[in-house]
């Protein structure tokens, strides 16, 4: 009787320690979470608001971005660190965009008369 159970026991033990079946966690998920936290921390250090960070990094998981932003905020407050202002070309605050759009519309109206 023991000899019949021995192969079954051996197979069970081999499969219990085997990750080849793909039953473990997907490493890409952990990598995306880590990337999202890094993005959030970088946004906080660059003195960007969390909403701007979400808008600039739409594909990053928002929960991870927020977690990284919050951790960096706490770290910067505890160590009394100042952030480094962001210098991205082409990204303008929405108020400047609205003002330029209004000026363009006024210019079009005056030229058509």
PDB file of N, CA and C in Angstrom:
ATOM      1  N   UNK A   1       0.823  -1.189   0.000  1.00  0.00           N
ATOM      2  CA  UNK A   1       0.000   0.000   0.000  1.00  0.00           C
ATOM      3  C   UNK A   1       0.873   1.261   0.000  1.00  0.00           C
ATOM      4  N   UNK A   2       1.933   1.249   0.763  1.00  0.00           N
ATOM      5  CA  UNK A   2       2.835   2.404   0.834  1.00  0.00           C
ATOM      6  C   UNK A   2       3.520   2.646  -0.500  1.00  0.00           C
ATOM      7  N   UNK A   3       3.811   1.590  -1.229  1.00  0.00           N
ATOM      8  CA  UNK A   3       4.485   1.730  -2.520  1.00  0.00           C
ATOM      9  C   UNK A   3       3.586   2.394  -3.564  1.00  0.00           C
ATOM     10  N   UNK A   4       2.293   2.244  -3.440  1.00  0.00           N
ATOM     11  CA  UNK A   4       1.379   2.906  -4.367  1.00  0.00           C
ATOM     12  C   UNK A   4       1.278   4.403  -4.079  1.00  0.00           C
ATOM     13  N   UNK A   5       1.377   4.792  -2.842  1.00  0.00           N
ATOM     14  CA  UNK A   5       1.256   6.193  -2.464  1.00  0.00           C
ATOM     15  C   UNK A   5       2.554   6.974  -2.653  1.00  0.00           C
ATOM     16  N   UNK A   6       3.682   6.257  -2.737  1.00  0.00           N
ATOM     17  CA  UNK A   6       4.976   6.915  -2.854  1.00  0.00           C
ATOM     18  C   UNK A   6       5.089   7.774  -4.129  1.00  0.00           C
ATOM     19  N   UNK A   7       4.732   7.289  -5.311  1.00  0.00           N
ATOM     20  CA  UNK A   7       4.802   8.148  -6.505  1.00  0.00           C
ATOM     21  C   UNK A   7       3.838   9.347  -6.423  1.00  0.00           C
ATOM     22  N   UNK A   8       2.665   9.134  -5.858  1.00  0.00           N
ATOM     23  CA  UNK A   8       1.710  10.222  -5.711  1.00  0.00           C
ATOM     24  C   UNK A   8       2.245  11.296  -4.754  1.00  0.00           C
ATOM     25  N   UNK A   9       2.866  10.857  -3.673  1.00  0.00           N
ATOM     26  CA  UNK A   9       3.464  11.778  -2.717  1.00  0.00           C
ATOM     27  C   UNK A   9       4.629  12.542  -3.347  1.00  0.00           C
ATOM     28  N   UNK A  10       5.444  11.870  -4.137  1.00  0.00           N
ATOM     29  CA  UNK A  10       6.582  12.510  -4.791  1.00  0.00           C
ATOM     30  C   UNK A  10       6.113  13.563  -5.794  1.00  0.00           C
ATOM     31  N   UNK A  11       5.108  13.245  -6.574  1.00  0.00           N
ATOM     32  CA  UNK A  11       4.580  14.196  -7.559  1.00  0.00           C
ATOM     33  C   UNK A  11       3.967  15.409  -6.852  1.00  0.00           C
ATOM     34  N   UNK A  12       3.266  15.173  -5.774  1.00  0.00           N
ATOM     35  CA  UNK A  12       2.655  16.265  -5.017  1.00  0.00           C
ATOM     36  C   UNK A  12       3.722  17.197  -4.453  1.00  0.00           C
ATOM     37  N   UNK A  13       4.775  16.659  -3.910  1.00  0.00           N
ATOM     38  CA  UNK A  13       5.852  17.479  -3.362  1.00  0.00           C
ATOM     39  C   UNK A  13       6.572  18.266  -4.457  1.00  0.00           C
ATOM     40  N   UNK A  14       6.779  17.659  -5.604  1.00  0.00           N
ATOM     41  CA  UNK A  14       7.432  18.366  -6.700  1.00  0.00           C
ATOM     42  C   UNK A  14       6.582  19.524  -7.219  1.00  0.00           C
ATOM     43  N   UNK A  15       5.289  19.299  -7.344  1.00  0.00           N
ATOM     44  CA  UNK A  15       4.409  20.351  -7.847  1.00  0.00           C
ATOM     45  C   UNK A  15       4.186  21.464  -6.821  1.00  0.00           C
ATOM     46  N   UNK A  16       4.303  21.148  -5.550  1.00  0.00           N
ATOM     47  CA  UNK A  16       4.099  22.162  -4.509  1.00  0.00           C
ATOM     48  C   UNK A  16       5.202  23.221  -4.548  1.00  0.00           C
ATOM     49  N   UNK A  17       6.398  22.843  -4.910  1.00  0.00           N
ATOM     50  CA  UNK A  17       7.503  23.799  -4.965  1.00  0.00           C
ATOM     51  C   UNK A  17       7.794  24.318  -6.350  1.00  0.00           C
ATOM     52  N   UNK A  18       6.952  24.039  -7.307  1.00  0.00           N
ATOM     53  CA  UNK A  18       7.215  24.396  -8.701  1.00  0.00           C
ATOM     54  C   UNK A  18       6.471  25.675  -9.074  1.00  0.00           C
ATOM     55  N   UNK A  19       7.193  26.648  -9.614  1.00  0.00           N
ATOM     56  CA  UNK A  19       6.578  27.879 -10.092  1.00  0.00           C
ATOM     57  C   UNK A  19       6.356  27.854 -11.602  1.00  0.00           C
ATOM     58  N   UNK A  20       6.648  26.738 -12.240  1.00  0.00           N
ATOM     59  CA  UNK A  20       6.502  26.655 -13.681  1.00  0.00           C
ATOM     60  C   UNK A  20       5.050  26.643 -14.137  1.00  0.00           C
ATOM     61  N   UNK A  21       4.140  26.380 -13.239  1.00  0.00           N
ATOM     62  CA  UNK A  21       2.736  26.325 -13.624  1.00  0.00           C
ATOM     63  C   UNK A  21       2.125  27.707 -13.811  1.00  0.00           C
ATOM     64  N   UNK A  22       2.842  28.741 -13.433  1.00  0.00           N
ATOM     65  CA  UNK A  22       2.331  30.100 -13.593  1.00  0.00           C
ATOM     66  C   UNK A  22       1.311  30.475 -12.541  1.00  0.00           C
ATOM     67  N   UNK A  23       1.364  29.834 -11.409  1.00  0.00           N
ATOM     68  CA  UNK A  23       0.394  30.119 -10.363  1.00  0.00           C
ATOM     69  C   UNK A  23       0.843  31.225  -9.419  1.00  0.00           C
ATOM     70  N   UNK A  24       2.074  31.664  -9.563  1.00  0.00           N
ATOM     71  CA  UNK A  24       2.593  32.723  -8.700  1.00  0.00           C
ATOM     72  C   UNK A  24       2.117  34.089  -9.160  1.00  0.00           C
ATOM     73  N   UNK A  25       2.393  35.130  -8.384  1.00  0.00           N
ATOM     74  CA  UNK A  25       1.974  36.482  -8.779  1.00  0.00           C
ATOM     75  C   UNK A  25       2.739  36.953 -10.013  1.00  0.00           C
ATOM     76  N   UNK A  26       2.079  37.741 -10.808  1.00  0.00           N
ATOM     77  CA  UNK A  26       2.676  38.268 -12.027  1.00  0.00           C
ATOM     78  C   UNK A  26       3.662  39.374 -11.665  1.00  0.00           C
ATOM     79  N   UNK A  27       4.931  39.254 -12.037  1.00  0.00           N
ATOM     80  CA  UNK A  27       5.903  40.282 -11.665  1.00  0.00           C
ATOM     81  C   UNK A  27       5.646  41.623 -12.345  1.00  0.00           C
ATOM     82  N   UNK A  28       4.907  41.635 -13.440  1.00  0.00           N
ATOM     83  CA  UNK A  28       4.610  42.899 -14.120  1.00  0.00           C
ATOM     84  C   UNK A  28       3.706  43.797 -13.282  1.00  0.00           C
ATOM     85  N   UNK A  29       2.834  43.172 -12.489  1.00  0.00           N
ATOM     86  CA  UNK A  29       1.948  43.962 -11.629  1.00  0.00           C
ATOM     87  C   UNK A  29       2.760  44.672 -10.562  1.00  0.00           C
ATOM     88  N   UNK A  30       3.675  43.949  -9.953  1.00  0.00           N
ATOM     89  CA  UNK A  30       4.531  44.561  -8.925  1.00  0.00           C
ATOM     90  C   UNK A  30       5.398  45.666  -9.532  1.00  0.00           C
ATOM     91  N   UNK A  31       5.867  45.471 -10.749  1.00  0.00           N
ATOM     92  CA  UNK A  31       6.690  46.484 -11.414  1.00  0.00           C
ATOM     93  C   UNK A  31       5.878  47.739 -11.714  1.00  0.00           C
ATOM     94  N   UNK A  32       4.625  47.578 -12.157  1.00  0.00           N
ATOM     95  CA  UNK A  32       3.768  48.748 -12.431  1.00  0.00           C
ATOM     96  C   UNK A  32       3.489  49.532 -11.165  1.00  0.00           C
ATOM     97  N   UNK A  33       3.284  48.812 -10.046  1.00  0.00           N
ATOM     98  CA  UNK A  33       3.049  49.481  -8.773  1.00  0.00           C
ATOM     99  C   UNK A  33       4.289  50.271  -8.349  1.00  0.00           C
ATOM    100  N   UNK A  34       5.447  49.666  -8.483  1.00  0.00           N
ATOM    101  CA  UNK A  34       6.696  50.348  -8.115  1.00  0.00           C
ATOM    102  C   UNK A  34       6.931  51.565  -9.014  1.00  0.00           C
ATOM    103  N   UNK A  35       6.656  51.423 -10.298  1.00  0.00           N
ATOM    104  CA  UNK A  35       6.803  52.553 -11.218  1.00  0.00           C
ATOM    105  C   UNK A  35       5.840  53.681 -10.864  1.00  0.00           C
ATOM    106  N   UNK A  36       4.613  53.323 -10.509  1.00  0.00           N
ATOM    107  CA  UNK A  36       3.628  54.331 -10.127  1.00  0.00           C
ATOM    108  C   UNK A  36       4.046  55.093  -8.884  1.00  0.00           C
ATOM    109  N   UNK A  37       4.590  54.376  -7.902  1.00  0.00           N
ATOM    110  CA  UNK A  37       5.065  55.048  -6.687  1.00  0.00           C
ATOM    111  C   UNK A  37       6.228  55.978  -7.003  1.00  0.00           C
ATOM    112  N   UNK A  38       7.112  55.553  -7.893  1.00  0.00           N
ATOM    113  CA  UNK A  38       8.250  56.401  -8.273  1.00  0.00           C
ATOM    114  C   UNK A  38       7.767  57.650  -9.006  1.00  0.00           C
ATOM    115  N   UNK A  39       6.777  57.495  -9.854  1.00  0.00           N
ATOM    116  CA  UNK A  39       6.216  58.641 -10.579  1.00  0.00           C
ATOM    117  C   UNK A  39       5.606  59.636  -9.600  1.00  0.00           C
ATOM    118  N   UNK A  40       4.840  59.129  -8.643  1.00  0.00           N
ATOM    119  CA  UNK A  40       4.220  59.998  -7.648  1.00  0.00           C
ATOM    120  C   UNK A  40       5.257  60.739  -6.812  1.00  0.00           C
ATOM    121  N   UNK A  41       6.309  60.042  -6.405  1.00  0.00           N
ATOM    122  CA  UNK A  41       7.362  60.678  -5.612  1.00  0.00           C
ATOM    123  C   UNK A  41       8.078  61.756  -6.426  1.00  0.00           C
ATOM    124  N   UNK A  42       8.324  61.467  -7.686  1.00  0.00           N
ATOM    125  CA  UNK A  42       8.996  62.442  -8.545  1.00  0.00           C
ATOM    126  C   UNK A  42       8.116  63.675  -8.764  1.00  0.00           C
ATOM    127  N   UNK A  43       6.823  63.457  -8.909  1.00  0.00           N
ATOM    128  CA  UNK A  43       5.913  64.595  -9.079  1.00  0.00           C
ATOM    129  C   UNK A  43       5.908  65.470  -7.838  1.00  0.00           C
ATOM    130  N   UNK A  44       5.892  64.867  -6.677  1.00  0.00           N
ATOM    131  CA  UNK A  44       5.898  65.659  -5.440  1.00  0.00           C
ATOM    132  C   UNK A  44       7.198  66.439  -5.304  1.00  0.00           C
ATOM    133  N   UNK A  45       8.303  65.812  -5.642  1.00  0.00           N
ATOM    134  CA  UNK A  45       9.592  66.487  -5.542  1.00  0.00           C
ATOM    135  C   UNK A  45       9.683  67.637  -6.549  1.00  0.00           C
ATOM    136  N   UNK A  46       8.997  67.496  -7.668  1.00  0.00           N
ATOM    137  CA  UNK A  46       8.992  68.538  -8.697  1.00  0.00           C
ATOM    138  C   UNK A  46       7.937  69.604  -8.419  1.00  0.00           C
ATOM    139  N   UNK A  47       7.341  69.574  -7.230  1.00  0.00           N
ATOM    140  CA  UNK A  47       6.341  70.554  -6.802  1.00  0.00           C
ATOM    141  C   UNK A  47       5.094  70.549  -7.680  1.00  0.00           C
ATOM    142  N   UNK A  48       4.745  69.392  -8.201  1.00  0.00           N
ATOM    143  CA  UNK A  48       3.518  69.257  -8.989  1.00  0.00           C
ATOM    144  C   UNK A  48       2.390  68.791  -8.092  1.00  0.00           C
ATOM    145  N   UNK A  49       1.205  69.249  -8.382  1.00  0.00           N
ATOM    146  CA  UNK A  49       0.020  68.778  -7.680  1.00  0.00           C
ATOM    147  C   UNK A  49      -0.314  67.367  -8.137  1.00  0.00           C
ATOM    148  N   UNK A  50      -1.063  66.675  -7.321  1.00  0.00           N
ATOM    149  CA  UNK A  50      -1.399  65.283  -7.643  1.00  0.00           C
ATOM    150  C   UNK A  50      -2.269  65.212  -8.901  1.00  0.00           C
ATOM    151  N   UNK A  51      -3.115  66.194  -9.129  1.00  0.00           N
ATOM    152  CA  UNK A  51      -3.964  66.186 -10.319  1.00  0.00           C
ATOM    153  C   UNK A  51      -3.125  66.333 -11.586  1.00  0.00           C
ATOM    154  N   UNK A  52      -2.110  67.200 -11.534  1.00  0.00           N
ATOM    155  CA  UNK A  52      -1.222  67.358 -12.679  1.00  0.00           C
ATOM    156  C   UNK A  52      -0.444  66.070 -12.937  1.00  0.00           C
ATOM    157  N   UNK A  53      -0.067  65.422 -11.870  1.00  0.00           N
ATOM    158  CA  UNK A  53       0.673  64.167 -11.995  1.00  0.00           C
ATOM    159  C   UNK A  53      -0.194  63.100 -12.667  1.00  0.00           C
ATOM    160  N   UNK A  54      -1.459  63.032 -12.268  1.00  0.00           N
ATOM    161  CA  UNK A  54      -2.379  62.085 -12.910  1.00  0.00           C
ATOM    162  C   UNK A  54      -2.525  62.396 -14.395  1.00  0.00           C
ATOM    163  N   UNK A  55      -2.654  63.678 -14.708  1.00  0.00           N
ATOM    164  CA  UNK A  55      -2.868  64.079 -16.105  1.00  0.00           C
ATOM    165  C   UNK A  55      -1.646  63.789 -16.969  1.00  0.00           C
ATOM    166  N   UNK A  56      -0.452  63.986 -16.414  1.00  0.00           N
ATOM    167  CA  UNK A  56       0.767  63.742 -17.179  1.00  0.00           C
ATOM    168  C   UNK A  56       1.108  62.259 -17.311  1.00  0.00           C
ATOM    169  N   UNK A  57       0.583  61.433 -16.413  1.00  0.00           N
ATOM    170  CA  UNK A  57       0.895  60.000 -16.397  1.00  0.00           C
ATOM    171  C   UNK A  57      -0.392  59.198 -16.351  1.00  0.00           C
ATOM    172  N   UNK A  58      -1.154  59.264 -17.411  1.00  0.00           N
ATOM    173  CA  UNK A  58      -2.470  58.644 -17.448  1.00  0.00           C
ATOM    174  C   UNK A  58      -2.423  57.117 -17.368  1.00  0.00           C
ATOM    175  N   UNK A  59      -1.349  56.518 -17.834  1.00  0.00           N
ATOM    176  CA  UNK A  59      -1.276  55.051 -17.863  1.00  0.00           C
ATOM    177  C   UNK A  59      -0.813  54.459 -16.539  1.00  0.00           C
ATOM    178  N   UNK A  60      -0.293  55.274 -15.648  1.00  0.00           N
ATOM    179  CA  UNK A  60       0.185  54.772 -14.353  1.00  0.00           C
ATOM    180  C   UNK A  60      -1.011  54.544 -13.425  1.00  0.00           C
ATOM    181  N   UNK A  61      -0.942  53.516 -12.583  1.00  0.00           N
ATOM    182  CA  UNK A  61      -2.052  53.273 -11.638  1.00  0.00           C
ATOM    183  C   UNK A  61      -2.166  54.418 -10.623  1.00  0.00           C
ATOM    184  N   UNK A  62      -3.346  54.991 -10.534  1.00  0.00           N
ATOM    185  CA  UNK A  62      -3.534  56.182  -9.702  1.00  0.00           C
ATOM    186  C   UNK A  62      -3.284  55.911  -8.230  1.00  0.00           C
ATOM    187  N   UNK A  63      -3.641  54.733  -7.757  1.00  0.00           N
ATOM    188  CA  UNK A  63      -3.417  54.440  -6.344  1.00  0.00           C
ATOM    189  C   UNK A  63      -1.931  54.413  -6.020  1.00  0.00           C
ATOM    190  N   UNK A  64      -1.134  53.850  -6.901  1.00  0.00           N
ATOM    191  CA  UNK A  64       0.310  53.793  -6.672  1.00  0.00           C
ATOM    192  C   UNK A  64       0.927  55.187  -6.787  1.00  0.00           C
ATOM    193  N   UNK A  65       0.458  55.982  -7.738  1.00  0.00           N
ATOM    194  CA  UNK A  65       0.968  57.346  -7.890  1.00  0.00           C
ATOM    195  C   UNK A  65       0.666  58.153  -6.635  1.00  0.00           C
ATOM    196  N   UNK A  66      -0.555  58.038  -6.133  1.00  0.00           N
ATOM    197  CA  UNK A  66      -0.921  58.777  -4.931  1.00  0.00           C
ATOM    198  C   UNK A  66      -0.100  58.308  -3.728  1.00  0.00           C
ATOM    199  N   UNK A  67       0.095  57.009  -3.612  1.00  0.00           N
ATOM    200  CA  UNK A  67       0.880  56.480  -2.501  1.00  0.00           C
ATOM    201  C   UNK A  67       2.318  57.007  -2.525  1.00  0.00           C
ATOM    202  N   UNK A  68       2.929  57.025  -3.702  1.00  0.00           N
ATOM    203  CA  UNK A  68       4.282  57.560  -3.838  1.00  0.00           C
ATOM    204  C   UNK A  68       4.332  59.049  -3.560  1.00  0.00           C
ATOM    205  N   UNK A  69       3.325  59.781  -4.026  1.00  0.00           N
ATOM    206  CA  UNK A  69       3.255  61.231  -3.798  1.00  0.00           C
ATOM    207  C   UNK A  69       3.138  61.514  -2.308  1.00  0.00           C
ATOM    208  N   UNK A  70       2.274  60.756  -1.646  1.00  0.00           N
ATOM    209  CA  UNK A  70       2.048  60.961  -0.223  1.00  0.00           C
ATOM    210  C   UNK A  70       3.290  60.616   0.604  1.00  0.00           C
ATOM    211  N   UNK A  71       3.964  59.522   0.256  1.00  0.00           N
ATOM    212  CA  UNK A  71       5.187  59.144   0.975  1.00  0.00           C
ATOM    213  C   UNK A  71       6.281  60.201   0.808  1.00  0.00           C
ATOM    214  N   UNK A  72       6.430  60.717  -0.399  1.00  0.00           N
ATOM    215  CA  UNK A  72       7.441  61.744  -0.637  1.00  0.00           C
ATOM    216  C   UNK A  72       7.075  63.034   0.086  1.00  0.00           C
ATOM    217  N   UNK A  73       5.795  63.363   0.135  1.00  0.00           N
ATOM    218  CA  UNK A  73       5.359  64.547   0.854  1.00  0.00           C
ATOM    219  C   UNK A  73       5.714  64.433   2.334  1.00  0.00           C
ATOM    220  N   UNK A  74       5.446  63.287   2.907  1.00  0.00           N
ATOM    221  CA  UNK A  74       5.771  63.075   4.313  1.00  0.00           C
ATOM    222  C   UNK A  74       7.288  63.140   4.537  1.00  0.00           C
ATOM    223  N   UNK A  75       8.035  62.529   3.651  1.00  0.00           N
ATOM    224  CA  UNK A  75       9.493  62.535   3.768  1.00  0.00           C
ATOM    225  C   UNK A  75      10.050  63.954   3.672  1.00  0.00           C
ATOM    226  N   UNK A  76       9.519  64.740   2.733  1.00  0.00           N
ATOM    227  CA  UNK A  76      10.009  66.101   2.546  1.00  0.00           C
ATOM    228  C   UNK A  76       9.651  66.990   3.738  1.00  0.00           C
ATOM    229  N   UNK A  77       8.481  66.771   4.312  1.00  0.00           N
ATOM    230  CA  UNK A  77       8.092  67.557   5.493  1.00  0.00           C
ATOM    231  C   UNK A  77       8.941  67.197   6.706  1.00  0.00           C
ATOM    232  N   UNK A  78       9.178  65.897   6.905  1.00  0.00           N
ATOM    233  CA  UNK A  78       9.977  65.463   8.052  1.00  0.00           C
ATOM    234  C   UNK A  78      11.406  65.969   7.982  1.00  0.00           C
ATOM    235  N   UNK A  79      11.983  66.005   6.799  1.00  0.00           N
ATOM    236  CA  UNK A  79      13.373  66.409   6.626  1.00  0.00           C
ATOM    237  C   UNK A  79      13.530  67.857   6.178  1.00  0.00           C
ATOM    238  N   UNK A  80      12.420  68.594   6.143  1.00  0.00           N
ATOM    239  CA  UNK A  80      12.416  70.012   5.772  1.00  0.00           C
ATOM    240  C   UNK A  80      13.138  70.256   4.442  1.00  0.00           C
ATOM    241  N   UNK A  81      12.754  69.484   3.447  1.00  0.00           N
ATOM    242  CA  UNK A  81      13.349  69.597   2.118  1.00  0.00           C
ATOM    243  C   UNK A  81      12.476  70.463   1.226  1.00  0.00           C
ATOM    244  N   UNK A  82      13.119  71.206   0.367  1.00  0.00           N
ATOM    245  CA  UNK A  82      12.417  71.993  -0.643  1.00  0.00           C
ATOM    246  C   UNK A  82      12.419  71.201  -1.945  1.00  0.00           C
ATOM    247  N   UNK A  83      11.354  71.309  -2.692  1.00  0.00           N
ATOM    248  CA  UNK A  83      11.285  70.628  -3.965  1.00  0.00           C
ATOM    249  C   UNK A  83      12.012  71.396  -5.050  1.00  0.00           C
ATOM    250  N   UNK A  84      12.229  70.738  -6.158  1.00  0.00           N
ATOM    251  CA  UNK A  84      12.853  71.360  -7.324  1.00  0.00           C
ATOM    252  C   UNK A  84      11.754  71.627  -8.347  1.00  0.00           C
ATOM    253  N   UNK A  85      11.520  72.884  -8.708  1.00  0.00           N
ATOM    254  CA  UNK A  85      10.442  73.185  -9.652  1.00  0.00           C
ATOM    255  C   UNK A  85      10.628  72.466 -10.987  1.00  0.00           C
ATOM    256  N   UNK A  86       9.527  72.047 -11.537  1.00  0.00           N
ATOM    257  CA  UNK A  86       9.538  71.340 -12.811  1.00  0.00           C
ATOM    258  C   UNK A  86       9.793  72.312 -13.950  1.00  0.00           C
ATOM    259  N   UNK A  87      10.534  71.865 -14.945  1.00  0.00           N
ATOM    260  CA  UNK A  87      10.812  72.695 -16.117  1.00  0.00           C
ATOM    261  C   UNK A  87      10.483  71.925 -17.383  1.00  0.00           C
ATOM    262  N   UNK A  88       9.223  71.553 -17.529  1.00  0.00           N
ATOM    263  CA  UNK A  88       8.784  70.828 -18.724  1.00  0.00           C
ATOM    264  C   UNK A  88       8.319  71.848 -19.749  1.00  0.00           C
ATOM    265  N   UNK A  89       8.862  71.766 -20.936  1.00  0.00           N
ATOM    266  CA  UNK A  89       8.448  72.662 -22.011  1.00  0.00           C
ATOM    267  C   UNK A  89       7.156  72.133 -22.612  1.00  0.00           C
ATOM    268  N   UNK A  90       6.252  73.009 -22.908  1.00  0.00           N
ATOM    269  CA  UNK A  90       5.013  72.607 -23.554  1.00  0.00           C
ATOM    270  C   UNK A  90       3.863  72.403 -22.587  1.00  0.00           C
ATOM    271  N   UNK A  91       4.102  72.304 -21.298  1.00  0.00           N
ATOM    272  CA  UNK A  91       3.036  72.160 -20.322  1.00  0.00           C
ATOM    273  C   UNK A  91       2.803  73.525 -19.699  1.00  0.00           C
ATOM    274  N   UNK A  92       1.615  74.066 -19.933  1.00  0.00           N
ATOM    275  CA  UNK A  92       1.300  75.378 -19.387  1.00  0.00           C
ATOM    276  C   UNK A  92       0.104  75.236 -18.460  1.00  0.00           C
ATOM    277  N   UNK A  93       0.043  76.046 -17.430  1.00  0.00           N
ATOM    278  CA  UNK A  93      -1.121  76.004 -16.541  1.00  0.00           C
ATOM    279  C   UNK A  93      -2.385  76.342 -17.312  1.00  0.00           C
ATOM    280  N   UNK A  94      -3.487  75.808 -16.851  1.00  0.00           N
ATOM    281  CA  UNK A  94      -4.745  75.978 -17.570  1.00  0.00           C
ATOM    282  C   UNK A  94      -5.181  77.434 -17.646  1.00  0.00           C
ATOM    283  N   UNK A  95      -4.841  78.267 -16.660  1.00  0.00           N
ATOM    284  CA  UNK A  95      -5.248  79.681 -16.710  1.00  0.00           C
ATOM    285  C   UNK A  95      -4.539  80.400 -17.853  1.00  0.00           C
ATOM    286  N   UNK A  96      -3.266  80.075 -18.102  1.00  0.00           N
ATOM    287  CA  UNK A  96      -2.549  80.699 -19.213  1.00  0.00           C
ATOM    288  C   UNK A  96      -3.140  80.259 -20.547  1.00  0.00           C
ATOM    289  N   UNK A  97      -3.521  79.006 -20.648  1.00  0.00           N
ATOM    290  CA  UNK A  97      -4.114  78.493 -21.881  1.00  0.00           C
ATOM    291  C   UNK A  97      -5.447  79.184 -22.134  1.00  0.00           C
ATOM    292  N   UNK A  98      -6.237  79.333 -21.090  1.00  0.00           N
ATOM    293  CA  UNK A  98      -7.534  79.987 -21.254  1.00  0.00           C
ATOM    294  C   UNK A  98      -7.363  81.441 -21.686  1.00  0.00           C
ATOM    295  N   UNK A  99      -6.392  82.146 -21.097  1.00  0.00           N
ATOM    296  CA  UNK A  99      -6.170  83.539 -21.462  1.00  0.00           C
ATOM    297  C   UNK A  99      -5.713  83.656 -22.911  1.00  0.00           C
ATOM    298  N   UNK A 100      -4.823  82.763 -23.343  1.00  0.00           N
ATOM    299  CA  UNK A 100      -4.348  82.830 -24.724  1.00  0.00           C
ATOM    300  C   UNK A 100      -5.472  82.488 -25.699  1.00  0.00           C
ATOM    301  N   UNK A 101      -6.348  81.534 -25.318  1.00  0.00           N
ATOM    302  CA  UNK A 101      -7.491  81.218 -26.169  1.00  0.00           C
ATOM    303  C   UNK A 101      -8.438  82.406 -26.290  1.00  0.00           C
ATOM    304  N   UNK A 102      -8.672  83.106 -25.192  1.00  0.00           N
ATOM    305  CA  UNK A 102      -9.552  84.266 -25.221  1.00  0.00           C
ATOM    306  C   UNK A 102      -8.963  85.377 -26.082  1.00  0.00           C
ATOM    307  N   UNK A 103      -7.650  85.583 -26.000  1.00  0.00           N
ATOM    308  CA  UNK A 103      -7.008  86.604 -26.804  1.00  0.00           C
ATOM    309  C   UNK A 103      -7.072  86.241 -28.286  1.00  0.00           C
ATOM    310  N   UNK A 104      -6.907  84.942 -28.595  1.00  0.00           N
ATOM    311  CA  UNK A 104      -6.989  84.506 -29.988  1.00  0.00           C
ATOM    312  C   UNK A 104      -8.395  84.716 -30.538  1.00  0.00           C
ATOM    313  N   UNK A 105      -9.421  84.450 -29.729  1.00  0.00           N
ATOM    314  CA  UNK A 105     -10.790  84.639 -30.190  1.00  0.00           C
ATOM    315  C   UNK A 105     -11.089  86.114 -30.425  1.00  0.00           C
ATOM    316  N   UNK A 106     -10.554  87.000 -29.554  1.00  0.00           N
ATOM    317  CA  UNK A 106     -10.775  88.435 -29.751  1.00  0.00           C
ATOM    318  C   UNK A 106     -10.091  88.903 -31.033  1.00  0.00           C
ATOM    319  N   UNK A 107      -8.921  88.368 -31.313  1.00  0.00           N
ATOM    320  CA  UNK A 107      -8.199  88.750 -32.518  1.00  0.00           C
ATOM    321  C   UNK A 107      -8.911  88.292 -33.779  1.00  0.00           C
ATOM    322  N   UNK A 108      -9.531  87.138 -33.726  1.00  0.00           N
ATOM    323  CA  UNK A 108     -10.259  86.621 -34.884  1.00  0.00           C
ATOM    324  C   UNK A 108     -11.504  87.450 -35.143  1.00  0.00           C
ATOM    325  N   UNK A 109     -12.171  87.854 -34.065  1.00  0.00           N
ATOM    326  CA  UNK A 109     -13.391  88.653 -34.216  1.00  0.00           C
ATOM    327  C   UNK A 109     -13.087  90.020 -34.806  1.00  0.00           C
ATOM    328  N   UNK A 110     -11.970  90.625 -34.441  1.00  0.00           N
ATOM    329  CA  UNK A 110     -11.625  91.955 -34.942  1.00  0.00           C
ATOM    330  C   UNK A 110     -11.190  91.884 -36.402  1.00  0.00           C
ATOM    331  N   UNK A 111     -10.522  90.815 -36.799  1.00  0.00           N
ATOM    332  CA  UNK A 111     -10.045  90.719 -38.183  1.00  0.00           C
ATOM    333  C   UNK A 111     -11.156  90.372 -39.166  1.00  0.00           C
ATOM    334  N   UNK A 112     -12.231  89.753 -38.685  1.00  0.00           N
ATOM    335  CA  UNK A 112     -13.308  89.374 -39.599  1.00  0.00           C
ATOM    336  C   UNK A 112     -14.242  90.538 -39.899  1.00  0.00           C
ATOM    337  N   UNK A 113     -14.205  91.612 -39.106  1.00  0.00           N
ATOM    338  CA  UNK A 113     -15.089  92.764 -39.346  1.00  0.00           C
ATOM    339  C   UNK A 113     -14.543  93.673 -40.359  1.00  0.00           C
TER     340      UNK A 113
END
